[in-house]
Amino acid sequence: MNPLLLEGLTDAIGFLAGMLLAWGLARLLGLDPLVAGYGGSAIGGIVLAGLGGGAGLHLARRWRASRKQK
């Protein structure tokens, strides 16, 4: 598989997985990033979803780097 395609796919999967997990956690905490308006609940949910997406992307890149070393 083309290395650039593999990099893009793993980055996308990592970001989406992290964001969806963080979104679920935000919903459990009573934060909703999809609520109408920009209240505290929406901003908290958006921040948490962004942090989760970034964490998922970071984990995907670490996973790819660990596979490259083997």
C-alpha atoms as a PDB file:
ATOM      1  CA  MET A   1       0.000   0.000   0.000  1.00  0.00           C
ATOM      2  CA  ASN A   2       1.174   3.498  -0.761  1.00  0.00           C
ATOM      3  CA  PRO A   3       2.833   4.875   2.430  1.00  0.00           C
ATOM      4  CA  LEU A   4       1.130   8.264   2.080  1.00  0.00           C
ATOM      5  CA  LEU A   5      -2.282   6.616   1.758  1.00  0.00           C
ATOM      6  CA  LEU A   6      -1.578   4.496   4.829  1.00  0.00           C
ATOM      7  CA  GLU A   7      -0.508   7.591   6.753  1.00  0.00           C
ATOM      8  CA  GLY A   8      -3.657   9.478   5.801  1.00  0.00           C
ATOM      9  CA  LEU A   9      -5.957   6.580   6.622  1.00  0.00           C
ATOM     10  CA  THR A  10      -4.412   5.907  10.024  1.00  0.00           C
ATOM     11  CA  ASP A  11      -4.490   9.618  10.883  1.00  0.00           C
ATOM     12  CA  ALA A  12      -8.161   9.855   9.912  1.00  0.00           C
ATOM     13  CA  ILE A  13      -9.140   6.705  11.814  1.00  0.00           C
ATOM     14  CA  GLY A  14      -7.214   7.801  14.909  1.00  0.00           C
ATOM     15  CA  PHE A  15      -8.746  11.273  14.871  1.00  0.00           C
ATOM     16  CA  LEU A  16     -12.297   9.998  14.365  1.00  0.00           C
ATOM     17  CA  ALA A  17     -11.998   7.296  17.010  1.00  0.00           C
ATOM     18  CA  GLY A  18     -10.593   9.728  19.563  1.00  0.00           C
ATOM     19  CA  MET A  19     -13.175  12.363  18.771  1.00  0.00           C
ATOM     20  CA  LEU A  20     -16.078   9.920  19.004  1.00  0.00           C
ATOM     21  CA  LEU A  21     -14.851   8.518  22.315  1.00  0.00           C
ATOM     22  CA  ALA A  22     -14.456  12.028  23.726  1.00  0.00           C
ATOM     23  CA  TRP A  23     -17.887  13.000  22.407  1.00  0.00           C
ATOM     24  CA  GLY A  24     -19.412  10.005  24.200  1.00  0.00           C
ATOM     25  CA  LEU A  25     -17.586  10.951  27.387  1.00  0.00           C
ATOM     26  CA  ALA A  26     -18.797  14.533  27.050  1.00  0.00           C
ATOM     27  CA  ARG A  27     -22.378  13.314  26.719  1.00  0.00           C
ATOM     28  CA  LEU A  28     -21.959  11.228  29.879  1.00  0.00           C
ATOM     29  CA  LEU A  29     -20.689  14.334  31.696  1.00  0.00           C
ATOM     30  CA  GLY A  30     -23.680  16.375  30.509  1.00  0.00           C
ATOM     31  CA  LEU A  31     -21.807  18.346  27.843  1.00  0.00           C
ATOM     32  CA  ASP A  32     -23.198  18.397  24.314  1.00  0.00           C
ATOM     33  CA  PRO A  33     -21.099  19.847  21.489  1.00  0.00           C
ATOM     34  CA  LEU A  34     -24.073  19.616  19.105  1.00  0.00           C
ATOM     35  CA  VAL A  35     -26.545  21.672  21.144  1.00  0.00           C
ATOM     36  CA  ALA A  36     -27.863  24.875  19.567  1.00  0.00           C
ATOM     37  CA  GLY A  37     -26.054  28.031  20.639  1.00  0.00           C
ATOM     38  CA  TYR A  38     -22.724  28.554  22.303  1.00  0.00           C
ATOM     39  CA  GLY A  39     -23.434  27.963  25.972  1.00  0.00           C
ATOM     40  CA  GLY A  40     -21.044  26.428  28.454  1.00  0.00           C
ATOM     41  CA  SER A  41     -22.258  22.926  27.688  1.00  0.00           C
ATOM     42  CA  ALA A  42     -21.579  23.346  23.962  1.00  0.00           C
ATOM     43  CA  ILE A  43     -18.146  24.905  24.419  1.00  0.00           C
ATOM     44  CA  GLY A  44     -17.113  22.227  26.923  1.00  0.00           C
ATOM     45  CA  GLY A  45     -18.247  19.483  24.562  1.00  0.00           C
ATOM     46  CA  ILE A  46     -16.434  21.042  21.610  1.00  0.00           C
ATOM     47  CA  VAL A  47     -13.205  21.387  23.605  1.00  0.00           C
ATOM     48  CA  LEU A  48     -13.429  17.816  24.872  1.00  0.00           C
ATOM     49  CA  ALA A  49     -14.139  16.458  21.371  1.00  0.00           C
ATOM     50  CA  GLY A  50     -11.163  18.405  19.979  1.00  0.00           C
ATOM     51  CA  LEU A  51      -8.850  17.109  22.683  1.00  0.00           C
ATOM     52  CA  GLY A  52     -10.043  13.559  22.052  1.00  0.00           C
ATOM     53  CA  GLY A  53      -9.451  13.907  18.322  1.00  0.00           C
ATOM     54  CA  GLY A  54      -5.950  15.217  18.908  1.00  0.00           C
ATOM     55  CA  ALA A  55      -5.191  12.394  21.333  1.00  0.00           C
ATOM     56  CA  GLY A  56      -6.456   9.813  18.846  1.00  0.00           C
ATOM     57  CA  LEU A  57      -4.307  11.322  16.103  1.00  0.00           C
ATOM     58  CA  HIS A  58      -1.264  11.266  18.394  1.00  0.00           C
ATOM     59  CA  LEU A  59      -1.865   7.608  19.277  1.00  0.00           C
ATOM     60  CA  ALA A  60      -2.255   6.684  15.609  1.00  0.00           C
ATOM     61  CA  ARG A  61       1.060   8.328  14.775  1.00  0.00           C
ATOM     62  CA  ARG A  62       2.810   6.600  17.691  1.00  0.00           C
ATOM     63  CA  TRP A  63       1.375   3.267  16.558  1.00  0.00           C
ATOM     64  CA  ARG A  64       2.596   3.863  13.003  1.00  0.00           C
ATOM     65  CA  ALA A  65       6.075   4.834  14.268  1.00  0.00           C
ATOM     66  CA  SER A  66       6.307   1.712  16.431  1.00  0.00           C
ATOM     67  CA  ARG A  67       5.425  -0.485  13.453  1.00  0.00           C
ATOM     68  CA  LYS A  68       8.069   1.261  11.342  1.00  0.00           C
ATOM     69  CA  GLN A  69      10.822   0.481  13.879  1.00  0.00           C
ATOM     70  CA  LYS A  70      10.157  -3.288  13.763  1.00  0.00           C
END
